[in-house]
């Protein structure tokens, strides 16, 4: 039991330390504010938010799309958001016909319109299917927002706005992403309600 307690306490402290580093990085705070501002503008104009990720980040994409369409903390009308990794039939059909790298890009081609926003969640910043989706979004003249960690990988060079969590530990990057994505939901909700 003693060793378990030490491990638990260490992991909680490490997670808190990563969030403290996020808080201390003004560039992350500014980037999140800019993301929220642009999301509100796009939604107010009748556009949509598309989200995607792999593994745990896929769950985050589905979770956040649900908060935006349903509600986060306030009663209000539904907003337009789609998690591209939620439709297994579409994903597996695209993977079978075009390859796994195209599972998001093909959906971006079909669903995104000029000015819409694609939010990619990749702890490494090197997810090939998100890279392909960002490139397709850029062709359509959509906007691309990245939530990443480590160095930001290849995606940081493609994304319009990046949030790179200062950690190399995937679990702690994901924990920080969830916190930041919840804040984004709150900012979107507040911004949309203020303008109604």
C-alpha atoms as a PDB file:
ATOM      1  CA  UNK A   1       0.000   0.000   0.000  1.00  0.00           C
ATOM      2  CA  UNK A   2       2.878   2.402   0.813  1.00  0.00           C
ATOM      3  CA  UNK A   3       4.362   2.135  -2.692  1.00  0.00           C
ATOM      4  CA  UNK A   4       0.931   2.667  -4.265  1.00  0.00           C
ATOM      5  CA  UNK A   5       0.418   5.814  -2.216  1.00  0.00           C
ATOM      6  CA  UNK A   6       3.798   7.225  -3.265  1.00  0.00           C
ATOM      7  CA  UNK A   7       3.068   6.521  -6.932  1.00  0.00           C
ATOM      8  CA  UNK A   8      -0.391   8.105  -6.725  1.00  0.00           C
ATOM      9  CA  UNK A   9       0.932  11.227  -5.011  1.00  0.00           C
ATOM     10  CA  UNK A  10       3.812  11.530  -7.505  1.00  0.00           C
ATOM     11  CA  UNK A  11       1.487  11.288 -10.531  1.00  0.00           C
ATOM     12  CA  UNK A  12      -0.949  13.853  -9.123  1.00  0.00           C
ATOM     13  CA  UNK A  13       1.934  16.258  -8.441  1.00  0.00           C
ATOM     14  CA  UNK A  14       3.331  15.707 -11.948  1.00  0.00           C
ATOM     15  CA  UNK A  15      -0.078  16.433 -13.484  1.00  0.00           C
ATOM     16  CA  UNK A  16      -0.426  19.601 -11.404  1.00  0.00           C
ATOM     17  CA  UNK A  17       3.095  20.698 -12.397  1.00  0.00           C
ATOM     18  CA  UNK A  18       2.230  20.417 -16.104  1.00  0.00           C
ATOM     19  CA  UNK A  19      -0.897  22.537 -15.600  1.00  0.00           C
ATOM     20  CA  UNK A  20       1.160  25.110 -13.673  1.00  0.00           C
ATOM     21  CA  UNK A  21       3.574  25.289 -16.634  1.00  0.00           C
ATOM     22  CA  UNK A  22       0.590  25.788 -18.970  1.00  0.00           C
ATOM     23  CA  UNK A  23      -0.682  28.599 -16.735  1.00  0.00           C
ATOM     24  CA  UNK A  24       2.745  30.268 -16.740  1.00  0.00           C
ATOM     25  CA  UNK A  25       3.006  30.207 -20.544  1.00  0.00           C
ATOM     26  CA  UNK A  26       1.250  33.356 -21.692  1.00  0.00           C
ATOM     27  CA  UNK A  27       1.411  32.174 -25.296  1.00  0.00           C
ATOM     28  CA  UNK A  28      -0.917  29.261 -24.440  1.00  0.00           C
ATOM     29  CA  UNK A  29      -3.411  31.538 -22.678  1.00  0.00           C
ATOM     30  CA  UNK A  30      -3.365  33.957 -25.618  1.00  0.00           C
ATOM     31  CA  UNK A  31      -3.746  31.137 -28.163  1.00  0.00           C
ATOM     32  CA  UNK A  32      -6.741  29.692 -26.307  1.00  0.00           C
ATOM     33  CA  UNK A  33      -8.409  33.107 -26.203  1.00  0.00           C
ATOM     34  CA  UNK A  34      -7.820  33.561 -29.933  1.00  0.00           C
ATOM     35  CA  UNK A  35      -9.240  30.098 -30.669  1.00  0.00           C
ATOM     36  CA  UNK A  36     -12.380  30.884 -28.687  1.00  0.00           C
ATOM     37  CA  UNK A  37     -12.847  34.247 -30.402  1.00  0.00           C
ATOM     38  CA  UNK A  38     -12.588  32.663 -33.856  1.00  0.00           C
ATOM     39  CA  UNK A  39     -14.862  29.735 -32.926  1.00  0.00           C
ATOM     40  CA  UNK A  40     -17.572  32.175 -31.822  1.00  0.00           C
ATOM     41  CA  UNK A  41     -17.213  34.140 -35.064  1.00  0.00           C
ATOM     42  CA  UNK A  42     -17.512  30.981 -37.179  1.00  0.00           C
ATOM     43  CA  UNK A  43     -20.497  29.619 -35.252  1.00  0.00           C
ATOM     44  CA  UNK A  44     -22.266  32.993 -35.348  1.00  0.00           C
ATOM     45  CA  UNK A  45     -21.798  33.041 -39.137  1.00  0.00           C
ATOM     46  CA  UNK A  46     -23.458  29.606 -39.461  1.00  0.00           C
ATOM     47  CA  UNK A  47     -20.209  27.662 -39.793  1.00  0.00           C
ATOM     48  CA  UNK A  48     -19.087  24.566 -37.981  1.00  0.00           C
ATOM     49  CA  UNK A  49     -16.344  23.118 -35.832  1.00  0.00           C
ATOM     50  CA  UNK A  50     -14.820  19.782 -36.829  1.00  0.00           C
ATOM     51  CA  UNK A  51     -12.721  17.850 -34.318  1.00  0.00           C
ATOM     52  CA  UNK A  52     -10.471  14.807 -34.647  1.00  0.00           C
ATOM     53  CA  UNK A  53      -7.937  12.750 -32.763  1.00  0.00           C
ATOM     54  CA  UNK A  54      -6.608   9.217 -32.305  1.00  0.00           C
ATOM     55  CA  UNK A  55      -6.838   6.995 -29.234  1.00  0.00           C
ATOM     56  CA  UNK A  56      -7.423   9.023 -26.085  1.00  0.00           C
ATOM     57  CA  UNK A  57      -7.484  12.177 -28.205  1.00  0.00           C
ATOM     58  CA  UNK A  58     -10.346  10.649 -30.232  1.00  0.00           C
ATOM     59  CA  UNK A  59     -12.315  10.385 -26.996  1.00  0.00           C
ATOM     60  CA  UNK A  60     -11.506  14.033 -26.248  1.00  0.00           C
ATOM     61  CA  UNK A  61     -12.752  15.056 -29.718  1.00  0.00           C
ATOM     62  CA  UNK A  62     -16.057  13.219 -29.193  1.00  0.00           C
ATOM     63  CA  UNK A  63     -16.414  14.599 -25.664  1.00  0.00           C
ATOM     64  CA  UNK A  64     -15.866  18.218 -26.717  1.00  0.00           C
ATOM     65  CA  UNK A  65     -18.124  17.968 -29.792  1.00  0.00           C
ATOM     66  CA  UNK A  66     -20.813  16.694 -27.422  1.00  0.00           C
ATOM     67  CA  UNK A  67     -20.314  19.640 -25.056  1.00  0.00           C
ATOM     68  CA  UNK A  68     -20.630  22.099 -27.957  1.00  0.00           C
ATOM     69  CA  UNK A  69     -23.700  20.508 -29.562  1.00  0.00           C
ATOM     70  CA  UNK A  70     -25.412  19.685 -26.256  1.00  0.00           C
ATOM     71  CA  UNK A  71     -24.388  22.148 -23.596  1.00  0.00           C
ATOM     72  CA  UNK A  72     -21.404  22.787 -21.388  1.00  0.00           C
ATOM     73  CA  UNK A  73     -22.538  24.793 -18.351  1.00  0.00           C
ATOM     74  CA  UNK A  74     -25.385  26.962 -19.597  1.00  0.00           C
ATOM     75  CA  UNK A  75     -28.782  26.363 -21.145  1.00  0.00           C
ATOM     76  CA  UNK A  76     -28.673  27.627 -24.726  1.00  0.00           C
ATOM     77  CA  UNK A  77     -29.317  26.550 -28.312  1.00  0.00           C
ATOM     78  CA  UNK A  78     -27.184  23.837 -29.940  1.00  0.00           C
ATOM     79  CA  UNK A  79     -24.032  24.797 -31.832  1.00  0.00           C
ATOM     80  CA  UNK A  80     -22.671  22.973 -34.892  1.00  0.00           C
ATOM     81  CA  UNK A  81     -19.764  20.624 -34.072  1.00  0.00           C
ATOM     82  CA  UNK A  82     -18.793  17.215 -35.464  1.00  0.00           C
ATOM     83  CA  UNK A  83     -16.226  14.704 -34.195  1.00  0.00           C
ATOM     84  CA  UNK A  84     -14.756  13.095 -37.315  1.00  0.00           C
ATOM     85  CA  UNK A  85     -13.655   9.985 -35.403  1.00  0.00           C
ATOM     86  CA  UNK A  86     -17.154   9.222 -34.060  1.00  0.00           C
ATOM     87  CA  UNK A  87     -18.571   7.573 -37.194  1.00  0.00           C
ATOM     88  CA  UNK A  88     -16.985   4.107 -37.325  1.00  0.00           C
ATOM     89  CA  UNK A  89     -18.731   3.085 -40.563  1.00  0.00           C
ATOM     90  CA  UNK A  90     -17.426   6.145 -42.410  1.00  0.00           C
ATOM     91  CA  UNK A  91     -13.936   5.842 -40.925  1.00  0.00           C
ATOM     92  CA  UNK A  92     -13.543   2.167 -41.773  1.00  0.00           C
ATOM     93  CA  UNK A  93     -14.958   2.641 -45.275  1.00  0.00           C
ATOM     94  CA  UNK A  94     -12.463   5.428 -45.964  1.00  0.00           C
ATOM     95  CA  UNK A  95      -9.605   3.449 -44.406  1.00  0.00           C
ATOM     96  CA  UNK A  96     -10.497   0.427 -46.529  1.00  0.00           C
ATOM     97  CA  UNK A  97     -10.790   2.393 -49.796  1.00  0.00           C
ATOM     98  CA  UNK A  98      -8.167   5.129 -49.361  1.00  0.00           C
ATOM     99  CA  UNK A  99      -5.955   4.167 -46.396  1.00  0.00           C
ATOM    100  CA  UNK A 100      -5.959   5.070 -42.717  1.00  0.00           C
ATOM    101  CA  UNK A 101      -4.080   8.313 -43.352  1.00  0.00           C
ATOM    102  CA  UNK A 102      -7.153   9.631 -45.206  1.00  0.00           C
ATOM    103  CA  UNK A 103      -9.857   8.910 -42.611  1.00  0.00           C
ATOM    104  CA  UNK A 104     -10.130  12.552 -41.550  1.00  0.00           C
ATOM    105  CA  UNK A 105      -9.038  14.321 -44.760  1.00  0.00           C
ATOM    106  CA  UNK A 106     -11.815  12.688 -46.772  1.00  0.00           C
ATOM    107  CA  UNK A 107     -14.403  13.819 -44.211  1.00  0.00           C
ATOM    108  CA  UNK A 108     -12.922  17.321 -44.184  1.00  0.00           C
ATOM    109  CA  UNK A 109     -13.316  17.389 -47.966  1.00  0.00           C
ATOM    110  CA  UNK A 110     -16.986  16.444 -47.636  1.00  0.00           C
ATOM    111  CA  UNK A 111     -17.994  18.443 -44.566  1.00  0.00           C
ATOM    112  CA  UNK A 112     -15.805  21.529 -44.345  1.00  0.00           C
ATOM    113  CA  UNK A 113     -16.668  24.810 -45.990  1.00  0.00           C
ATOM    114  CA  UNK A 114     -14.445  27.847 -46.344  1.00  0.00           C
ATOM    115  CA  UNK A 115     -14.014  29.492 -42.944  1.00  0.00           C
ATOM    116  CA  UNK A 116     -14.989  26.430 -40.870  1.00  0.00           C
ATOM    117  CA  UNK A 117     -12.572  25.318 -38.140  1.00  0.00           C
ATOM    118  CA  UNK A 118     -10.821  21.961 -37.772  1.00  0.00           C
ATOM    119  CA  UNK A 119      -9.515  21.230 -34.264  1.00  0.00           C
ATOM    120  CA  UNK A 120      -6.900  18.481 -34.274  1.00  0.00           C
ATOM    121  CA  UNK A 121      -5.797  16.828 -31.043  1.00  0.00           C
ATOM    122  CA  UNK A 122      -2.448  15.013 -31.263  1.00  0.00           C
ATOM    123  CA  UNK A 123      -0.144  14.616 -28.278  1.00  0.00           C
ATOM    124  CA  UNK A 124       2.884  14.120 -30.549  1.00  0.00           C
ATOM    125  CA  UNK A 125       1.889  16.537 -33.304  1.00  0.00           C
ATOM    126  CA  UNK A 126       2.871  13.868 -35.827  1.00  0.00           C
ATOM    127  CA  UNK A 127      -0.383  11.969 -36.462  1.00  0.00           C
ATOM    128  CA  UNK A 128      -0.316  11.361 -40.218  1.00  0.00           C
ATOM    129  CA  UNK A 129      -4.105  11.311 -40.561  1.00  0.00           C
ATOM    130  CA  UNK A 130      -4.401  14.692 -38.827  1.00  0.00           C
ATOM    131  CA  UNK A 131      -1.581  16.104 -40.961  1.00  0.00           C
ATOM    132  CA  UNK A 132      -3.529  15.035 -44.082  1.00  0.00           C
ATOM    133  CA  UNK A 133      -6.724  16.573 -42.655  1.00  0.00           C
ATOM    134  CA  UNK A 134      -4.994  19.894 -41.901  1.00  0.00           C
ATOM    135  CA  UNK A 135      -3.571  20.015 -45.427  1.00  0.00           C
ATOM    136  CA  UNK A 136      -7.028  19.378 -46.876  1.00  0.00           C
ATOM    137  CA  UNK A 137      -8.539  22.044 -44.605  1.00  0.00           C
ATOM    138  CA  UNK A 138      -5.920  24.528 -45.804  1.00  0.00           C
ATOM    139  CA  UNK A 139      -6.862  23.755 -49.426  1.00  0.00           C
ATOM    140  CA  UNK A 140     -10.507  24.520 -48.602  1.00  0.00           C
ATOM    141  CA  UNK A 141      -9.464  27.714 -46.777  1.00  0.00           C
ATOM    142  CA  UNK A 142     -10.694  26.435 -43.454  1.00  0.00           C
ATOM    143  CA  UNK A 143      -8.909  27.243 -40.205  1.00  0.00           C
ATOM    144  CA  UNK A 144      -6.806  24.705 -38.307  1.00  0.00           C
ATOM    145  CA  UNK A 145      -6.305  24.661 -34.540  1.00  0.00           C
ATOM    146  CA  UNK A 146      -3.885  22.244 -32.877  1.00  0.00           C
ATOM    147  CA  UNK A 147      -3.775  20.846 -29.349  1.00  0.00           C
ATOM    148  CA  UNK A 148      -0.458  19.038 -28.948  1.00  0.00           C
ATOM    149  CA  UNK A 149       2.435  18.405 -26.586  1.00  0.00           C
ATOM    150  CA  UNK A 150       6.145  17.626 -26.730  1.00  0.00           C
ATOM    151  CA  UNK A 151       7.550  19.772 -29.593  1.00  0.00           C
ATOM    152  CA  UNK A 152       4.269  20.165 -31.493  1.00  0.00           C
ATOM    153  CA  UNK A 153       5.671  17.925 -34.229  1.00  0.00           C
ATOM    154  CA  UNK A 154       4.952  18.451 -37.914  1.00  0.00           C
ATOM    155  CA  UNK A 155       1.466  19.797 -37.241  1.00  0.00           C
ATOM    156  CA  UNK A 156       2.694  22.993 -35.582  1.00  0.00           C
ATOM    157  CA  UNK A 157       4.065  24.111 -38.965  1.00  0.00           C
ATOM    158  CA  UNK A 158       0.664  23.589 -40.653  1.00  0.00           C
ATOM    159  CA  UNK A 159      -1.762  24.803 -37.975  1.00  0.00           C
ATOM    160  CA  UNK A 160      -3.100  28.346 -37.860  1.00  0.00           C
ATOM    161  CA  UNK A 161      -3.101  28.375 -34.045  1.00  0.00           C
ATOM    162  CA  UNK A 162      -1.182  25.945 -31.807  1.00  0.00           C
ATOM    163  CA  UNK A 163      -1.380  25.025 -28.167  1.00  0.00           C
ATOM    164  CA  UNK A 164       1.612  22.886 -27.219  1.00  0.00           C
ATOM    165  CA  UNK A 165       1.493  21.537 -23.671  1.00  0.00           C
ATOM    166  CA  UNK A 166       5.014  21.654 -22.180  1.00  0.00           C
ATOM    167  CA  UNK A 167       5.400  17.952 -21.357  1.00  0.00           C
ATOM    168  CA  UNK A 168       6.726  14.741 -22.914  1.00  0.00           C
ATOM    169  CA  UNK A 169       4.362  12.499 -20.923  1.00  0.00           C
ATOM    170  CA  UNK A 170       1.336  11.556 -23.027  1.00  0.00           C
ATOM    171  CA  UNK A 171      -1.005  11.101 -20.049  1.00  0.00           C
ATOM    172  CA  UNK A 172      -0.204  14.534 -18.615  1.00  0.00           C
ATOM    173  CA  UNK A 173      -0.526  16.165 -22.049  1.00  0.00           C
ATOM    174  CA  UNK A 174      -3.992  14.621 -22.373  1.00  0.00           C
ATOM    175  CA  UNK A 175      -4.971  15.789 -18.889  1.00  0.00           C
ATOM    176  CA  UNK A 176      -3.943  19.337 -19.762  1.00  0.00           C
ATOM    177  CA  UNK A 177      -5.776  19.106 -23.098  1.00  0.00           C
ATOM    178  CA  UNK A 178      -8.990  18.156 -21.345  1.00  0.00           C
ATOM    179  CA  UNK A 179      -8.687  21.139 -19.005  1.00  0.00           C
ATOM    180  CA  UNK A 180      -7.960  23.534 -21.894  1.00  0.00           C
ATOM    181  CA  UNK A 181     -10.721  22.100 -24.082  1.00  0.00           C
ATOM    182  CA  UNK A 182     -13.219  22.542 -21.253  1.00  0.00           C
ATOM    183  CA  UNK A 183     -12.121  26.157 -20.922  1.00  0.00           C
ATOM    184  CA  UNK A 184     -12.561  26.564 -24.695  1.00  0.00           C
ATOM    185  CA  UNK A 185     -16.125  25.236 -24.376  1.00  0.00           C
ATOM    186  CA  UNK A 186     -16.848  27.734 -21.613  1.00  0.00           C
ATOM    187  CA  UNK A 187     -15.415  30.629 -23.618  1.00  0.00           C
ATOM    188  CA  UNK A 188     -17.424  29.636 -26.698  1.00  0.00           C
ATOM    189  CA  UNK A 189     -20.607  29.348 -24.665  1.00  0.00           C
ATOM    190  CA  UNK A 190     -20.052  32.706 -22.960  1.00  0.00           C
ATOM    191  CA  UNK A 191     -19.196  34.400 -26.249  1.00  0.00           C
ATOM    192  CA  UNK A 192     -22.209  32.991 -28.065  1.00  0.00           C
ATOM    193  CA  UNK A 193     -24.637  33.877 -25.261  1.00  0.00           C
ATOM    194  CA  UNK A 194     -23.249  37.425 -24.940  1.00  0.00           C
ATOM    195  CA  UNK A 195     -23.902  38.001 -28.650  1.00  0.00           C
ATOM    196  CA  UNK A 196     -27.460  36.552 -28.621  1.00  0.00           C
END
